[in-house]
Structure formats: C-alpha cells, structure tokens
Amino acid sequence: MKKTIFFLLFLGANFVFAHVLPDSTQLRALEKFREDNGGNWIVRWDYKTGLPASVFGGRVKMKGNNPETTARKFLQKYSQLFKIDPDNPNFKSEKITRRDKMYYVSFRQVYHNIPVYGTQYIITTDPDGNILSAKGRYYPVAINSATTASLNKDEAFNRAKNDFGSSRKFKLFQSNLLIL
C-alpha cells in the first residue's frame, strides 16, 4: 500500500511540474554545434525554458574585436540552439569581468529597460577569443507586462517586512523595479 501511494505521488508530481523540452530545431542545432566544435560538449537543459542552462566542455574558435563582440558572434552563430537574438535590444550587456586571464561577459534580459528577474547569461572566453562556456537563463517568449510599479518604495518595503514578521528589524538598502 505504501509503495502504491508513493508511486502515485511521484507520478502526480511529474504532471504538476511539467518540464519544457528542447525542440527538434534545437536538437539539430546541438548536433551541428558538436560537429563544428567536437563532441565533448556537455549541455544541461533549463526545465523551465527548454533552453541550454549550461554548455561546457570544449573550445569554440570565435574571433571578435573584444570579449562582448566575440560572445555576441557566438550567440548569433548558434542562435537556433540558444534561441537568443544577441541583437535584440532586450538583451543587454551587463558587465565584462576579467579573472585569471578569462573574460566573463554577462548579459541581462530587460523589458522597456527594466530587468527581468532571474535572467542572466554569461559567456566565458579565453584571451584568444575562444568560447569556453555559456550558462544562464533567458526567456525566449515575448513579454507583455506593466512597467509601472503598483506600489511605491515604502509600501513595498512595509509589505515585505510584514511577510517576514514585524517584530524583526529591517533596513531598506535599495529598491528596484523588476519584471517577474
């Protein structure tokens, strides 16, 4: 009886937490990517978007004038795999970090210049402009959301404080509007 109940709970959880799978175009693009760059690449898929959450395990020879240009050329070349249009104005370069001779080019998805919560895509390049990895989250669907806050800063802070318990002391450091 216990095994049956556990099985039913497990089976039910799979219906509740549906996974978005990569489509056939992406799978063909992944085959092409591996043909072009060697078959040792590991891809982890994002179950919420069906896009690559991380791609690593080799080097892609890609030359650009600087790390950001190199990263954008990579995303453009493999846009059918990543489903990211690097020329889209809602895909903004956030920062470029150099550490241990590597460059980390970070992009952020925005909507009307407001950051989309939880999105960031990081492309790692070496000093020669080779791509070593790509990772992050990006939503490929069109966003249609209000861009005016429904609460002012103080109202939002008070609601958050109440959710955590008003007996605790809190201090507001920063307030940002985000697309959820």
Protein backbone atom coordinates (compact mmCIF):
# COMPACT_ATOMS: atom_id res chain seq x y z
CA MET A 1 0.00 0.00 0.00
CA LYS A 2 2.80 2.43 0.90
CA LYS A 3 4.58 1.72 -2.39
CA THR A 4 1.41 2.41 -4.35
CA ILE A 5 0.82 5.75 -2.62
CA PHE A 6 4.46 6.81 -3.15
CA PHE A 7 4.23 5.85 -6.84
CA LEU A 8 1.04 7.84 -7.28
CA LEU A 9 2.57 10.87 -5.56
CA PHE A 10 5.67 10.59 -7.75
CA LEU A 11 3.59 10.20 -10.89
CA GLY A 12 1.41 13.16 -9.92
CA ALA A 13 4.46 15.36 -9.29
CA ASN A 14 5.56 14.85 -12.89
CA PHE A 15 2.27 16.29 -14.13
CA VAL A 16 2.37 19.24 -11.76
CA PHE A 17 5.98 20.17 -12.56
CA ALA A 18 5.95 19.88 -16.33
CA HIS A 19 9.32 20.26 -17.98
CA VAL A 20 9.85 22.22 -21.17
CA LEU A 21 11.96 20.12 -23.51
CA PRO A 22 14.22 21.35 -26.29
CA ASP A 23 12.54 21.31 -29.69
CA SER A 24 13.73 19.43 -32.77
CA THR A 25 15.39 22.56 -34.21
CA GLN A 26 17.47 22.94 -31.06
CA LEU A 27 18.46 19.26 -31.08
CA ARG A 28 19.59 19.52 -34.72
CA ALA A 29 21.47 22.72 -33.85
CA LEU A 30 23.16 20.87 -30.97
CA GLU A 31 24.28 18.11 -33.38
CA LYS A 32 25.71 20.79 -35.70
CA PHE A 33 27.37 22.53 -32.74
CA ARG A 34 29.07 19.28 -31.74
CA GLU A 35 30.10 18.56 -35.33
CA ASP A 36 31.66 22.02 -35.61
CA ASN A 37 33.35 22.02 -32.20
CA GLY A 38 33.89 18.41 -31.10
CA GLY A 39 31.54 16.05 -29.36
CA ASN A 40 32.78 16.51 -25.78
CA TRP A 41 30.40 19.38 -25.04
CA ILE A 42 28.01 18.86 -22.14
CA VAL A 43 24.62 20.55 -22.26
CA ARG A 44 22.29 20.93 -19.29
CA TRP A 45 18.79 22.00 -20.28
CA ASP A 46 16.70 24.50 -18.32
CA TYR A 47 13.47 22.68 -17.47
CA LYS A 48 11.51 25.97 -17.29
CA THR A 49 12.52 27.37 -20.68
CA GLY A 50 13.74 24.40 -22.72
CA LEU A 51 16.95 26.33 -23.44
CA PRO A 52 20.53 25.38 -22.60
CA ALA A 53 21.16 26.27 -18.94
CA SER A 54 24.84 25.48 -19.42
CA VAL A 55 27.08 24.42 -22.27
CA PHE A 56 30.69 23.50 -21.49
CA GLY A 57 33.45 21.00 -22.21
CA GLY A 58 35.48 22.36 -25.11
CA ARG A 59 36.55 25.42 -27.07
CA VAL A 60 34.78 27.23 -29.87
CA LYS A 61 37.14 29.21 -32.08
CA MET A 62 35.44 32.56 -32.39
CA LYS A 63 37.23 35.82 -33.09
CA GLY A 64 35.89 39.26 -32.25
CA ASN A 65 37.29 42.70 -31.55
CA ASN A 66 36.61 42.33 -27.83
CA PRO A 67 35.01 39.80 -25.45
CA GLU A 68 31.49 41.21 -25.87
CA THR A 69 31.68 41.12 -29.68
CA THR A 70 33.05 37.57 -29.51
CA ALA A 71 30.20 36.48 -27.20
CA ARG A 72 27.56 38.08 -29.44
CA LYS A 73 29.04 36.44 -32.57
CA PHE A 74 28.90 33.07 -30.78
CA LEU A 75 25.25 33.54 -29.79
CA GLN A 76 24.41 34.71 -33.32
CA LYS A 77 26.12 31.73 -34.94
CA TYR A 78 24.33 29.25 -32.67
CA SER A 79 21.05 31.16 -32.27
CA GLN A 80 18.96 28.11 -33.20
CA LEU A 81 20.44 26.24 -30.24
CA PHE A 82 20.24 29.05 -27.68
CA LYS A 83 17.15 30.83 -29.07
CA ILE A 84 18.77 34.13 -28.17
CA ASP A 85 18.97 37.00 -30.62
CA PRO A 86 22.06 38.90 -29.43
CA ASP A 87 20.98 41.95 -31.47
CA ASN A 88 17.64 42.17 -29.66
CA PRO A 89 17.53 45.46 -27.68
CA ASN A 90 16.03 43.49 -24.75
CA PHE A 91 19.29 41.51 -24.44
CA LYS A 92 21.72 43.94 -22.85
CA SER A 93 25.36 43.61 -21.97
CA GLU A 94 25.57 43.98 -18.20
CA LYS A 95 29.28 43.72 -17.46
CA ILE A 96 32.54 42.16 -18.53
CA THR A 97 34.73 40.71 -15.80
CA ARG A 98 38.31 39.56 -16.22
CA ARG A 99 39.60 36.95 -13.80
CA ASP A 100 42.55 34.56 -14.18
CA LYS A 101 43.05 35.58 -17.83
CA MET A 102 39.44 34.67 -18.63
CA TYR A 103 36.64 37.04 -19.62
CA TYR A 104 33.11 36.61 -18.35
CA VAL A 105 30.62 38.51 -20.50
CA SER A 106 27.34 38.91 -18.67
CA PHE A 107 24.07 39.75 -20.41
CA ARG A 108 20.71 40.59 -18.85
CA GLN A 109 17.24 40.33 -20.33
CA VAL A 110 15.24 43.55 -19.97
CA TYR A 111 11.79 44.75 -20.93
CA HIS A 112 11.49 48.52 -21.54
CA ASN A 113 14.90 48.79 -19.79
CA ILE A 114 13.54 47.07 -16.67
CA PRO A 115 15.48 43.90 -15.71
CA VAL A 116 13.64 40.58 -15.98
CA TYR A 117 14.05 38.85 -12.62
CA GLY A 118 16.29 35.77 -12.61
CA THR A 119 17.72 36.28 -16.09
CA GLN A 120 21.40 36.44 -16.82
CA TYR A 121 23.50 34.77 -19.48
CA ILE A 122 27.27 34.51 -19.08
CA ILE A 123 29.67 33.64 -21.89
CA THR A 124 33.22 32.71 -20.89
CA THR A 125 36.07 33.44 -23.30
CA ASP A 126 39.80 32.91 -23.08
CA PRO A 127 42.38 35.59 -24.03
CA ASP A 128 42.46 34.26 -27.62
CA GLY A 129 38.71 34.79 -28.05
CA ASN A 130 37.71 31.13 -27.79
CA ILE A 131 34.36 30.42 -26.17
CA LEU A 132 34.70 28.04 -23.20
CA SER A 133 31.17 28.02 -21.80
CA ALA A 134 27.73 29.58 -21.87
CA LYS A 135 25.33 29.47 -18.97
CA GLY A 136 22.32 31.16 -17.50
CA ARG A 137 18.62 31.76 -18.02
CA TYR A 138 16.76 33.73 -20.65
CA TYR A 139 13.06 33.66 -21.54
CA PRO A 140 12.52 33.40 -25.31
CA VAL A 141 8.85 34.34 -25.18
CA ALA A 142 7.52 37.83 -25.77
CA ILE A 143 7.00 39.70 -22.51
CA ASN A 144 3.89 41.80 -22.11
CA SER A 145 3.87 43.24 -18.63
CA ALA A 146 3.08 46.50 -16.89
CA THR A 147 6.12 48.72 -16.47
CA THR A 148 4.70 50.96 -13.76
CA ALA A 149 5.06 49.85 -10.15
CA SER A 150 1.77 49.16 -8.39
CA LEU A 151 3.35 50.03 -5.01
CA ASN A 152 5.69 52.83 -4.07
CA LYS A 153 9.01 52.02 -2.37
CA ASP A 154 7.69 52.44 1.19
CA GLU A 155 4.56 50.34 0.56
CA ALA A 156 6.64 47.53 -0.96
CA PHE A 157 9.08 47.65 1.96
CA ASN A 158 6.28 47.51 4.55
CA ARG A 159 4.61 44.56 2.81
CA ALA A 160 7.89 42.65 2.68
CA LYS A 161 8.59 43.48 6.32
CA ASN A 162 5.14 42.20 7.34
CA ASP A 163 5.68 38.98 5.39
CA PHE A 164 8.88 38.32 7.37
CA GLY A 165 7.37 39.32 10.70
CA SER A 166 7.09 42.85 12.01
CA SER A 167 8.97 42.04 15.24
CA ARG A 168 12.27 41.87 13.32
CA LYS A 169 14.24 45.00 12.45
CA PHE A 170 14.77 45.70 8.75
CA LYS A 171 16.51 48.42 6.84
CA LEU A 172 15.85 49.28 3.19
CA PHE A 173 19.12 49.48 1.27
CA GLN A 174 17.87 49.59 -2.28
CA SER A 175 14.65 49.43 -4.24
CA ASN A 176 14.42 48.26 -7.86
CA LEU A 177 11.57 47.62 -10.25
CA LEU A 178 11.80 44.14 -11.83
CA ILE A 179 9.72 42.15 -14.29
CA LEU A 180 8.71 38.84 -12.68
